Amino acid sequence: MSQWRSGCKTAIARSIDITIRTPFRWWCNWLKRRTTLRELRRLNDAQLKDIGLTAHDVDRFR
Protein backbone atom coordinates (compact mmCIF):
# COMPACT_ATOMS: atom_id res chain seq x y z
CA MET A 1 0.00 0.00 0.00
CA SER A 2 3.01 2.33 -0.02
CA GLN A 3 2.14 3.38 -3.57
CA TRP A 4 -1.09 4.89 -2.25
CA ARG A 5 0.77 6.90 0.36
CA SER A 6 3.37 8.23 -2.07
CA GLY A 7 0.64 9.25 -4.52
CA CYS A 8 -1.25 11.03 -1.75
CA LYS A 9 1.90 12.77 -0.53
CA THR A 10 2.52 14.03 -4.06
CA ALA A 11 -1.02 15.41 -4.29
CA ILE A 12 -0.69 17.03 -0.86
CA ALA A 13 2.75 18.46 -1.64
CA ARG A 14 1.27 20.35 -4.59
CA SER A 15 -1.04 22.19 -2.18
CA ILE A 16 0.78 24.32 0.38
CA ASP A 17 -2.31 25.75 2.09
CA ILE A 18 -3.59 23.58 4.99
CA THR A 19 -7.19 24.16 3.93
CA ILE A 20 -6.35 22.44 0.65
CA ARG A 21 -4.21 19.70 2.20
CA THR A 22 -6.93 18.51 4.59
CA PRO A 23 -9.48 17.60 1.86
CA PHE A 24 -6.67 15.90 -0.09
CA ARG A 25 -5.86 13.78 2.95
CA TRP A 26 -9.54 12.93 3.39
CA TRP A 27 -9.82 12.07 -0.31
CA CYS A 28 -6.77 9.79 -0.16
CA ASN A 29 -8.10 7.98 2.92
CA TRP A 30 -11.49 7.59 1.28
CA LEU A 31 -9.84 6.24 -1.85
CA LYS A 32 -7.90 3.64 0.11
CA ARG A 33 -11.11 2.39 1.73
CA ARG A 34 -13.49 2.54 -1.23
CA THR A 35 -11.67 2.17 -4.53
CA THR A 36 -11.36 -1.27 -6.04
CA LEU A 37 -8.87 -2.17 -8.72
CA ARG A 38 -11.66 -2.50 -11.26
CA GLU A 39 -12.83 1.05 -10.53
CA LEU A 40 -9.27 2.36 -10.78
CA ARG A 41 -8.79 0.75 -14.19
CA ARG A 42 -11.96 2.49 -15.44
CA LEU A 43 -10.48 5.92 -14.72
CA ASN A 44 -8.84 7.72 -17.61
CA ASP A 45 -5.32 9.18 -17.42
CA ALA A 46 -6.54 12.68 -16.53
CA GLN A 47 -8.59 11.37 -13.61
CA LEU A 48 -5.67 9.28 -12.37
CA LYS A 49 -3.39 12.31 -12.61
CA ASP A 50 -5.85 14.30 -10.47
CA ILE A 51 -5.39 11.81 -7.62
CA GLY A 52 -1.64 11.57 -8.10
CA LEU A 53 -1.50 8.18 -9.80
CA THR A 54 -0.52 6.93 -13.24
CA ALA A 55 -1.70 3.93 -15.25
CA HIS A 56 1.63 2.34 -14.33
CA ASP A 57 0.77 2.65 -10.61
CA VAL A 58 -2.55 0.91 -11.25
CA ASP A 59 -0.75 -1.95 -13.01
CA ARG A 60 1.51 -2.42 -9.98
CA PHE A 61 -1.55 -3.02 -7.75
CA ARG A 62 -2.42 -6.26 -9.59
PDB file of N, CA and C in Angstrom:
ATOM      1  N   MET A   1       0.816  -1.212   0.000  1.00  0.00           N
ATOM      2  CA  MET A   1       0.000   0.000   0.000  1.00  0.00           C
ATOM      3  C   MET A   1       0.859   1.275   0.000  1.00  0.00           C
ATOM      4  N   SER A   2       2.165   1.134  -0.057  1.00  0.00           N
ATOM      5  CA  SER A   2       3.009   2.326  -0.019  1.00  0.00           C
ATOM      6  C   SER A   2       2.810   3.204  -1.256  1.00  0.00           C
ATOM      7  N   GLN A   3       2.393   2.584  -2.380  1.00  0.00           N
ATOM      8  CA  GLN A   3       2.144   3.383  -3.574  1.00  0.00           C
ATOM      9  C   GLN A   3       1.029   4.394  -3.324  1.00  0.00           C
ATOM     10  N   TRP A   4       0.006   3.969  -2.584  1.00  0.00           N
ATOM     11  CA  TRP A   4      -1.094   4.888  -2.246  1.00  0.00           C
ATOM     12  C   TRP A   4      -0.541   6.095  -1.518  1.00  0.00           C
ATOM     13  N   ARG A   5       0.272   5.809  -0.480  1.00  0.00           N
ATOM     14  CA  ARG A   5       0.769   6.898   0.356  1.00  0.00           C
ATOM     15  C   ARG A   5       1.639   7.853  -0.446  1.00  0.00           C
ATOM     16  N   SER A   6       2.505   7.333  -1.299  1.00  0.00           N
ATOM     17  CA  SER A   6       3.372   8.227  -2.067  1.00  0.00           C
ATOM     18  C   SER A   6       2.545   9.068  -3.034  1.00  0.00           C
ATOM     19  N   GLY A   7       1.506   8.479  -3.633  1.00  0.00           N
ATOM     20  CA  GLY A   7       0.640   9.250  -4.516  1.00  0.00           C
ATOM     21  C   GLY A   7      -0.095  10.345  -3.772  1.00  0.00           C
ATOM     22  N   CYS A   8      -0.545  10.033  -2.561  1.00  0.00           N
ATOM     23  CA  CYS A   8      -1.252  11.028  -1.753  1.00  0.00           C
ATOM     24  C   CYS A   8      -0.297  12.133  -1.330  1.00  0.00           C
ATOM     25  N   LYS A   9       0.920  11.761  -0.937  1.00  0.00           N
ATOM     26  CA  LYS A   9       1.899  12.772  -0.530  1.00  0.00           C
ATOM     27  C   LYS A   9       2.192  13.721  -1.680  1.00  0.00           C
ATOM     28  N   THR A  10       2.262  13.188  -2.890  1.00  0.00           N
ATOM     29  CA  THR A  10       2.519  14.030  -4.060  1.00  0.00           C
ATOM     30  C   THR A  10       1.377  15.019  -4.243  1.00  0.00           C
ATOM     31  N   ALA A  11       0.149  14.535  -4.128  1.00  0.00           N
ATOM     32  CA  ALA A  11      -1.018  15.408  -4.286  1.00  0.00           C
ATOM     33  C   ALA A  11      -1.032  16.484  -3.200  1.00  0.00           C
ATOM     34  N   ILE A  12      -0.690  16.086  -1.976  1.00  0.00           N
ATOM     35  CA  ILE A  12      -0.694  17.033  -0.857  1.00  0.00           C
ATOM     36  C   ILE A  12       0.446  18.045  -1.019  1.00  0.00           C
ATOM     37  N   ALA A  13       1.598  17.573  -1.487  1.00  0.00           N
ATOM     38  CA  ALA A  13       2.745  18.459  -1.639  1.00  0.00           C
ATOM     39  C   ALA A  13       2.470  19.582  -2.644  1.00  0.00           C
ATOM     40  N   ARG A  14       1.600  19.321  -3.604  1.00  0.00           N
ATOM     41  CA  ARG A  14       1.267  20.349  -4.587  1.00  0.00           C
ATOM     42  C   ARG A  14       0.453  21.477  -3.959  1.00  0.00           C
ATOM     43  N   SER A  15      -0.158  21.207  -2.817  1.00  0.00           N
ATOM     44  CA  SER A  15      -1.037  22.189  -2.184  1.00  0.00           C
ATOM     45  C   SER A  15      -0.406  22.633  -0.870  1.00  0.00           C
ATOM     46  N   ILE A  16       0.071  23.855  -0.814  1.00  0.00           N
ATOM     47  CA  ILE A  16       0.779  24.322   0.379  1.00  0.00           C
ATOM     48  C   ILE A  16      -0.207  24.700   1.479  1.00  0.00           C
ATOM     49  N   ASP A  17      -1.328  25.261   1.115  1.00  0.00           N
ATOM     50  CA  ASP A  17      -2.306  25.745   2.087  1.00  0.00           C
ATOM     51  C   ASP A  17      -2.960  24.579   2.831  1.00  0.00           C
ATOM     52  N   ILE A  18      -3.013  24.661   4.162  1.00  0.00           N
ATOM     53  CA  ILE A  18      -3.586  23.583   4.993  1.00  0.00           C
ATOM     54  C   ILE A  18      -5.052  23.332   4.657  1.00  0.00           C
ATOM     55  N   THR A  19      -5.764  24.356   4.251  1.00  0.00           N
ATOM     56  CA  THR A  19      -7.189  24.164   3.928  1.00  0.00           C
ATOM     57  C   THR A  19      -7.346  23.321   2.672  1.00  0.00           C
ATOM     58  N   ILE A  20      -6.317  23.292   1.837  1.00  0.00           N
ATOM     59  CA  ILE A  20      -6.355  22.437   0.647  1.00  0.00           C
ATOM     60  C   ILE A  20      -5.834  21.056   0.987  1.00  0.00           C
ATOM     61  N   ARG A  21      -4.801  20.987   1.844  1.00  0.00           N
ATOM     62  CA  ARG A  21      -4.210  19.699   2.202  1.00  0.00           C
ATOM     63  C   ARG A  21      -5.203  18.794   2.914  1.00  0.00           C
ATOM     64  N   THR A  22      -6.017  19.341   3.803  1.00  0.00           N
ATOM     65  CA  THR A  22      -6.925  18.508   4.586  1.00  0.00           C
ATOM     66  C   THR A  22      -7.920  17.734   3.711  1.00  0.00           C
ATOM     67  N   PRO A  23      -8.607  18.379   2.753  1.00  0.00           N
ATOM     68  CA  PRO A  23      -9.479  17.595   1.859  1.00  0.00           C
ATOM     69  C   PRO A  23      -8.715  16.557   1.046  1.00  0.00           C
ATOM     70  N   PHE A  24      -7.475  16.873   0.629  1.00  0.00           N
ATOM     71  CA  PHE A  24      -6.674  15.896  -0.095  1.00  0.00           C
ATOM     72  C   PHE A  24      -6.437  14.669   0.767  1.00  0.00           C
ATOM     73  N   ARG A  25      -6.117  14.897   2.047  1.00  0.00           N
ATOM     74  CA  ARG A  25      -5.858  13.784   2.948  1.00  0.00           C
ATOM     75  C   ARG A  25      -7.124  12.955   3.120  1.00  0.00           C
ATOM     76  N   TRP A  26      -8.257  13.632   3.264  1.00  0.00           N
ATOM     77  CA  TRP A  26      -9.535  12.929   3.393  1.00  0.00           C
ATOM     78  C   TRP A  26      -9.805  12.104   2.142  1.00  0.00           C
ATOM     79  N   TRP A  27      -9.575  12.726   0.979  1.00  0.00           N
ATOM     80  CA  TRP A  27      -9.821  12.067  -0.306  1.00  0.00           C
ATOM     81  C   TRP A  27      -8.947  10.833  -0.448  1.00  0.00           C
ATOM     82  N   CYS A  28      -7.669  10.929  -0.054  1.00  0.00           N
ATOM     83  CA  CYS A  28      -6.767   9.785  -0.156  1.00  0.00           C
ATOM     84  C   CYS A  28      -7.210   8.665   0.775  1.00  0.00           C
ATOM     85  N   ASN A  29      -7.624   9.004   1.981  1.00  0.00           N
ATOM     86  CA  ASN A  29      -8.099   7.985   2.917  1.00  0.00           C
ATOM     87  C   ASN A  29      -9.369   7.323   2.400  1.00  0.00           C
ATOM     88  N   TRP A  30     -10.254   8.141   1.830  1.00  0.00           N
ATOM     89  CA  TRP A  30     -11.492   7.592   1.284  1.00  0.00           C
ATOM     90  C   TRP A  30     -11.180   6.648   0.129  1.00  0.00           C
ATOM     91  N   LEU A  31     -10.248   7.062  -0.720  1.00  0.00           N
ATOM     92  CA  LEU A  31      -9.841   6.238  -1.854  1.00  0.00           C
ATOM     93  C   LEU A  31      -9.321   4.890  -1.396  1.00  0.00           C
ATOM     94  N   LYS A  32      -8.486   4.894  -0.371  1.00  0.00           N
ATOM     95  CA  LYS A  32      -7.903   3.640   0.112  1.00  0.00           C
ATOM     96  C   LYS A  32      -8.998   2.688   0.579  1.00  0.00           C
ATOM     97  N   ARG A  33     -10.042   3.246   1.215  1.00  0.00           N
ATOM     98  CA  ARG A  33     -11.113   2.392   1.727  1.00  0.00           C
ATOM     99  C   ARG A  33     -12.055   1.921   0.626  1.00  0.00           C
ATOM    100  N   ARG A  34     -12.365   2.780  -0.321  1.00  0.00           N
ATOM    101  CA  ARG A  34     -13.489   2.543  -1.231  1.00  0.00           C
ATOM    102  C   ARG A  34     -13.110   2.028  -2.613  1.00  0.00           C
ATOM    103  N   THR A  35     -11.956   2.420  -3.118  1.00  0.00           N
ATOM    104  CA  THR A  35     -11.671   2.168  -4.530  1.00  0.00           C
ATOM    105  C   THR A  35     -11.181   0.746  -4.752  1.00  0.00           C
ATOM    106  N   THR A  36     -11.818   0.060  -5.660  1.00  0.00           N
ATOM    107  CA  THR A  36     -11.361  -1.271  -6.042  1.00  0.00           C
ATOM    108  C   THR A  36     -10.482  -1.149  -7.275  1.00  0.00           C
ATOM    109  N   LEU A  37      -9.730  -2.181  -7.543  1.00  0.00           N
ATOM    110  CA  LEU A  37      -8.871  -2.169  -8.715  1.00  0.00           C
ATOM    111  C   LEU A  37      -9.671  -1.962  -9.991  1.00  0.00           C
ATOM    112  N   ARG A  38     -10.834  -2.615 -10.056  1.00  0.00           N
ATOM    113  CA  ARG A  38     -11.658  -2.499 -11.256  1.00  0.00           C
ATOM    114  C   ARG A  38     -12.076  -1.051 -11.477  1.00  0.00           C
ATOM    115  N   GLU A  39     -12.443  -0.352 -10.402  1.00  0.00           N
ATOM    116  CA  GLU A  39     -12.827   1.049 -10.533  1.00  0.00           C
ATOM    117  C   GLU A  39     -11.642   1.902 -10.973  1.00  0.00           C
ATOM    118  N   LEU A  40     -10.470   1.612 -10.400  1.00  0.00           N
ATOM    119  CA  LEU A  40      -9.270   2.365 -10.782  1.00  0.00           C
ATOM    120  C   LEU A  40      -8.966   2.201 -12.265  1.00  0.00           C
ATOM    121  N   ARG A  41      -9.114   0.990 -12.785  1.00  0.00           N
ATOM    122  CA  ARG A  41      -8.791   0.752 -14.186  1.00  0.00           C
ATOM    123  C   ARG A  41      -9.762   1.466 -15.117  1.00  0.00           C
ATOM    124  N   ARG A  42     -10.972   1.787 -14.623  1.00  0.00           N
ATOM    125  CA  ARG A  42     -11.959   2.490 -15.440  1.00  0.00           C
ATOM    126  C   ARG A  42     -11.643   3.978 -15.574  1.00  0.00           C
ATOM    127  N   LEU A  43     -10.820   4.500 -14.667  1.00  0.00           N
ATOM    128  CA  LEU A  43     -10.484   5.920 -14.724  1.00  0.00           C
ATOM    129  C   LEU A  43      -9.591   6.193 -15.928  1.00  0.00           C
ATOM    130  N   ASN A  44      -9.752   7.363 -16.518  1.00  0.00           N
ATOM    131  CA  ASN A  44      -8.841   7.717 -17.606  1.00  0.00           C
ATOM    132  C   ASN A  44      -7.587   8.384 -17.032  1.00  0.00           C
ATOM    133  N   ASP A  45      -6.600   8.649 -17.883  1.00  0.00           N
ATOM    134  CA  ASP A  45      -5.320   9.177 -17.419  1.00  0.00           C
ATOM    135  C   ASP A  45      -5.457  10.502 -16.689  1.00  0.00           C
ATOM    136  N   ALA A  46      -6.367  11.373 -17.171  1.00  0.00           N
ATOM    137  CA  ALA A  46      -6.541  12.676 -16.528  1.00  0.00           C
ATOM    138  C   ALA A  46      -7.083  12.517 -15.106  1.00  0.00           C
ATOM    139  N   GLN A  47      -8.031  11.606 -14.937  1.00  0.00           N
ATOM    140  CA  GLN A  47      -8.590  11.369 -13.605  1.00  0.00           C
ATOM    141  C   GLN A  47      -7.541  10.782 -12.675  1.00  0.00           C
ATOM    142  N   LEU A  48      -6.733   9.852 -13.181  1.00  0.00           N
ATOM    143  CA  LEU A  48      -5.670   9.278 -12.367  1.00  0.00           C
ATOM    144  C   LEU A  48      -4.664  10.349 -11.964  1.00  0.00           C
ATOM    145  N   LYS A  49      -4.353  11.232 -12.889  1.00  0.00           N
ATOM    146  CA  LYS A  49      -3.393  12.308 -12.608  1.00  0.00           C
ATOM    147  C   LYS A  49      -3.920  13.216 -11.503  1.00  0.00           C
ATOM    148  N   ASP A  50      -5.237  13.455 -11.497  1.00  0.00           N
ATOM    149  CA  ASP A  50      -5.853  14.298 -10.467  1.00  0.00           C
ATOM    150  C   ASP A  50      -5.637  13.742  -9.070  1.00  0.00           C
ATOM    151  N   ILE A  51      -5.574  12.406  -8.942  1.00  0.00           N
ATOM    152  CA  ILE A  51      -5.388  11.810  -7.620  1.00  0.00           C
ATOM    153  C   ILE A  51      -3.942  11.387  -7.399  1.00  0.00           C
ATOM    154  N   GLY A  52      -3.056  11.807  -8.307  1.00  0.00           N
ATOM    155  CA  GLY A  52      -1.641  11.574  -8.103  1.00  0.00           C
ATOM    156  C   GLY A  52      -1.166  10.186  -8.490  1.00  0.00           C
ATOM    157  N   LEU A  53      -1.898   9.518  -9.353  1.00  0.00           N
ATOM    158  CA  LEU A  53      -1.499   8.183  -9.796  1.00  0.00           C
ATOM    159  C   LEU A  53      -1.316   8.178 -11.307  1.00  0.00           C
ATOM    160  N   THR A  54      -0.638   7.135 -11.806  1.00  0.00           N
ATOM    161  CA  THR A  54      -0.525   6.931 -13.244  1.00  0.00           C
ATOM    162  C   THR A  54      -1.054   5.543 -13.568  1.00  0.00           C
ATOM    163  N   ALA A  55      -1.254   5.259 -14.842  1.00  0.00           N
ATOM    164  CA  ALA A  55      -1.703   3.930 -15.252  1.00  0.00           C
ATOM    165  C   ALA A  55      -0.689   2.876 -14.806  1.00  0.00           C
ATOM    166  N   HIS A  56       0.583   3.257 -14.784  1.00  0.00           N
ATOM    167  CA  HIS A  56       1.634   2.340 -14.331  1.00  0.00           C
ATOM    168  C   HIS A  56       1.430   1.961 -12.859  1.00  0.00           C
ATOM    169  N   ASP A  57       1.049   2.942 -12.030  1.00  0.00           N
ATOM    170  CA  ASP A  57       0.765   2.655 -10.615  1.00  0.00           C
ATOM    171  C   ASP A  57      -0.368   1.644 -10.490  1.00  0.00           C
ATOM    172  N   VAL A  58      -1.406   1.816 -11.308  1.00  0.00           N
ATOM    173  CA  VAL A  58      -2.552   0.910 -11.254  1.00  0.00           C
ATOM    174  C   VAL A  58      -2.113  -0.509 -11.613  1.00  0.00           C
ATOM    175  N   ASP A  59      -1.255  -0.626 -12.616  1.00  0.00           N
ATOM    176  CA  ASP A  59      -0.753  -1.951 -13.008  1.00  0.00           C
ATOM    177  C   ASP A  59       0.007  -2.624 -11.876  1.00  0.00           C
ATOM    178  N   ARG A  60       0.725  -1.840 -11.082  1.00  0.00           N
ATOM    179  CA  ARG A  60       1.506  -2.417  -9.982  1.00  0.00           C
ATOM    180  C   ARG A  60       0.616  -2.981  -8.874  1.00  0.00           C
ATOM    181  N   PHE A  61      -0.649  -2.538  -8.811  1.00  0.00           N
ATOM    182  CA  PHE A  61      -1.551  -3.024  -7.752  1.00  0.00           C
ATOM    183  C   PHE A  61      -2.061  -4.434  -8.016  1.00  0.00           C
ATOM    184  N   ARG A  62      -1.875  -4.941  -9.235  1.00  0.00           N
ATOM    185  CA  ARG A  62      -2.423  -6.256  -9.588  1.00  0.00           C
ATOM    186  C   ARG A  62      -1.852  -7.355  -8.723  1.00  0.00           C
TER     187      ARG A  62
END
